[in-house]
Amino acid sequence: MHKVFYLPELCTVAEVETYYKELDAFYVQQQDVEIDASKVERMDSAFVQLLIAFEQAIKSADKELRYGPCSEVFKSSCRILGYSVFPNN
């Protein structure tokens, strides 16, 4: 079973520290994680870097990271910034 992490509307450098701490709490629980990015309205490269680092940490713990619902802004930002594990929806 996946634990769901809901991304905020604004995923920018100003929010990275706060969400780093929240994602770290998910990592410590050693569970599979699903990211819900359905509410994302703005996302910058700093936040994408945070997600990439989180994905690497989850994989190194032999857990799964997957994406659930994603906004068009999220998808577009990932595509533009070259995030290779692009959500399929």
C-alpha atoms as a PDB file:
ATOM      1  CA  MET A   1       0.000   0.000   0.000  1.00  0.00           C
ATOM      2  CA  HIS A   2       1.216   3.472  -0.880  1.00  0.00           C
ATOM      3  CA  LYS A   3       1.156   6.432   1.433  1.00  0.00           C
ATOM      4  CA  VAL A   4      -0.039   9.532  -0.465  1.00  0.00           C
ATOM      5  CA  PHE A   5       1.915  12.780  -0.353  1.00  0.00           C
ATOM      6  CA  TYR A   6      -0.058  15.781  -1.618  1.00  0.00           C
ATOM      7  CA  LEU A   7       1.952  18.517  -3.310  1.00  0.00           C
ATOM      8  CA  PRO A   8       0.854  22.110  -2.681  1.00  0.00           C
ATOM      9  CA  GLU A   9      -0.385  24.595  -5.284  1.00  0.00           C
ATOM     10  CA  LEU A  10       2.932  26.454  -5.192  1.00  0.00           C
ATOM     11  CA  CYS A  11       5.987  24.239  -5.555  1.00  0.00           C
ATOM     12  CA  THR A  12       8.766  26.809  -5.588  1.00  0.00           C
ATOM     13  CA  VAL A  13      12.127  27.420  -3.972  1.00  0.00           C
ATOM     14  CA  ALA A  14      10.346  29.216  -1.123  1.00  0.00           C
ATOM     15  CA  GLU A  15       8.589  25.971  -0.164  1.00  0.00           C
ATOM     16  CA  VAL A  16      11.506  23.556  -0.651  1.00  0.00           C
ATOM     17  CA  GLU A  17      12.717  23.547   2.955  1.00  0.00           C
ATOM     18  CA  THR A  18       9.258  22.893   4.367  1.00  0.00           C
ATOM     19  CA  TYR A  19       8.501  20.090   1.928  1.00  0.00           C
ATOM     20  CA  TYR A  20      11.985  18.614   2.290  1.00  0.00           C
ATOM     21  CA  LYS A  21      11.157  18.039   5.949  1.00  0.00           C
ATOM     22  CA  GLU A  22       7.767  16.550   5.115  1.00  0.00           C
ATOM     23  CA  LEU A  23       9.186  14.248   2.452  1.00  0.00           C
ATOM     24  CA  ASP A  24      11.941  13.202   4.832  1.00  0.00           C
ATOM     25  CA  ALA A  25       9.259  12.163   7.319  1.00  0.00           C
ATOM     26  CA  PHE A  26       7.707   9.982   4.596  1.00  0.00           C
ATOM     27  CA  TYR A  27      11.119   8.461   3.836  1.00  0.00           C
ATOM     28  CA  VAL A  28      11.735   7.593   7.501  1.00  0.00           C
ATOM     29  CA  GLN A  29       8.489   5.615   7.547  1.00  0.00           C
ATOM     30  CA  GLN A  30       9.969   3.280   4.915  1.00  0.00           C
ATOM     31  CA  GLN A  31       6.737   2.933   2.939  1.00  0.00           C
ATOM     32  CA  ASP A  32       5.941   3.088  -0.752  1.00  0.00           C
ATOM     33  CA  VAL A  33       4.874   6.606  -1.700  1.00  0.00           C
ATOM     34  CA  GLU A  34       2.413   8.036  -4.192  1.00  0.00           C
ATOM     35  CA  ILE A  35       2.730  11.697  -5.137  1.00  0.00           C
ATOM     36  CA  ASP A  36      -0.532  13.532  -5.828  1.00  0.00           C
ATOM     37  CA  ALA A  37       0.331  16.604  -7.888  1.00  0.00           C
ATOM     38  CA  SER A  38      -3.213  17.427  -8.961  1.00  0.00           C
ATOM     39  CA  LYS A  39      -3.254  20.845  -7.267  1.00  0.00           C
ATOM     40  CA  VAL A  40       0.111  22.133  -8.515  1.00  0.00           C
ATOM     41  CA  GLU A  41      -0.306  25.527 -10.199  1.00  0.00           C
ATOM     42  CA  ARG A  42       3.329  26.630 -10.181  1.00  0.00           C
ATOM     43  CA  MET A  43       6.557  24.649  -9.969  1.00  0.00           C
ATOM     44  CA  ASP A  44      10.180  25.623 -10.414  1.00  0.00           C
ATOM     45  CA  SER A  45      13.422  23.728 -10.896  1.00  0.00           C
ATOM     46  CA  ALA A  46      14.325  23.727  -7.185  1.00  0.00           C
ATOM     47  CA  PHE A  47      11.204  21.737  -6.385  1.00  0.00           C
ATOM     48  CA  VAL A  48      11.840  19.307  -9.243  1.00  0.00           C
ATOM     49  CA  GLN A  49      15.332  18.744  -7.808  1.00  0.00           C
ATOM     50  CA  LEU A  50      13.742  17.981  -4.450  1.00  0.00           C
ATOM     51  CA  LEU A  51      11.473  15.370  -6.053  1.00  0.00           C
ATOM     52  CA  ILE A  52      14.398  13.788  -7.897  1.00  0.00           C
ATOM     53  CA  ALA A  53      16.415  13.532  -4.669  1.00  0.00           C
ATOM     54  CA  PHE A  54      13.398  12.051  -2.881  1.00  0.00           C
ATOM     55  CA  GLU A  55      12.907   9.521  -5.661  1.00  0.00           C
ATOM     56  CA  GLN A  56      16.539   8.437  -5.406  1.00  0.00           C
ATOM     57  CA  ALA A  57      16.267   8.047  -1.627  1.00  0.00           C
ATOM     58  CA  ILE A  58      13.080   5.975  -1.923  1.00  0.00           C
ATOM     59  CA  LYS A  59      14.646   3.725  -4.551  1.00  0.00           C
ATOM     60  CA  SER A  60      17.784   3.234  -2.456  1.00  0.00           C
ATOM     61  CA  ALA A  61      15.512   2.010   0.355  1.00  0.00           C
ATOM     62  CA  ASP A  62      13.966  -0.531  -2.086  1.00  0.00           C
ATOM     63  CA  LYS A  63      10.617   1.237  -1.938  1.00  0.00           C
ATOM     64  CA  GLU A  64       8.394   2.438  -4.767  1.00  0.00           C
ATOM     65  CA  LEU A  65       7.581   6.009  -5.742  1.00  0.00           C
ATOM     66  CA  ARG A  66       4.741   6.545  -8.158  1.00  0.00           C
ATOM     67  CA  TYR A  67       2.651   9.460  -9.325  1.00  0.00           C
ATOM     68  CA  GLY A  68      -1.103   9.649  -8.976  1.00  0.00           C
ATOM     69  CA  PRO A  69      -3.165  12.531 -10.346  1.00  0.00           C
ATOM     70  CA  CYS A  70      -1.054  15.339 -11.825  1.00  0.00           C
ATOM     71  CA  SER A  71      -1.988  18.807 -13.024  1.00  0.00           C
ATOM     72  CA  GLU A  72      -1.039  19.975 -16.500  1.00  0.00           C
ATOM     73  CA  VAL A  73       1.327  22.521 -14.924  1.00  0.00           C
ATOM     74  CA  PHE A  74       3.140  19.726 -13.106  1.00  0.00           C
ATOM     75  CA  LYS A  75       3.419  17.607 -16.242  1.00  0.00           C
ATOM     76  CA  SER A  76       4.620  20.532 -18.316  1.00  0.00           C
ATOM     77  CA  SER A  77       7.208  21.578 -15.715  1.00  0.00           C
ATOM     78  CA  CYS A  78       8.565  18.036 -15.515  1.00  0.00           C
ATOM     79  CA  ARG A  79       8.797  17.804 -19.286  1.00  0.00           C
ATOM     80  CA  ILE A  80      10.525  21.198 -19.666  1.00  0.00           C
ATOM     81  CA  LEU A  81      13.002  20.463 -16.867  1.00  0.00           C
ATOM     82  CA  GLY A  82      13.784  16.975 -18.178  1.00  0.00           C
ATOM     83  CA  TYR A  83      12.429  14.968 -15.262  1.00  0.00           C
ATOM     84  CA  SER A  84      12.862  11.519 -16.774  1.00  0.00           C
ATOM     85  CA  VAL A  85      10.371   9.634 -14.597  1.00  0.00           C
ATOM     86  CA  PHE A  86       7.435  11.428 -16.075  1.00  0.00           C
ATOM     87  CA  PRO A  87       3.914  10.661 -14.814  1.00  0.00           C
ATOM     88  CA  ASN A  88       1.821   8.711 -17.269  1.00  0.00           C
ATOM     89  CA  ASN A  89      -1.495  10.460 -16.623  1.00  0.00           C
END
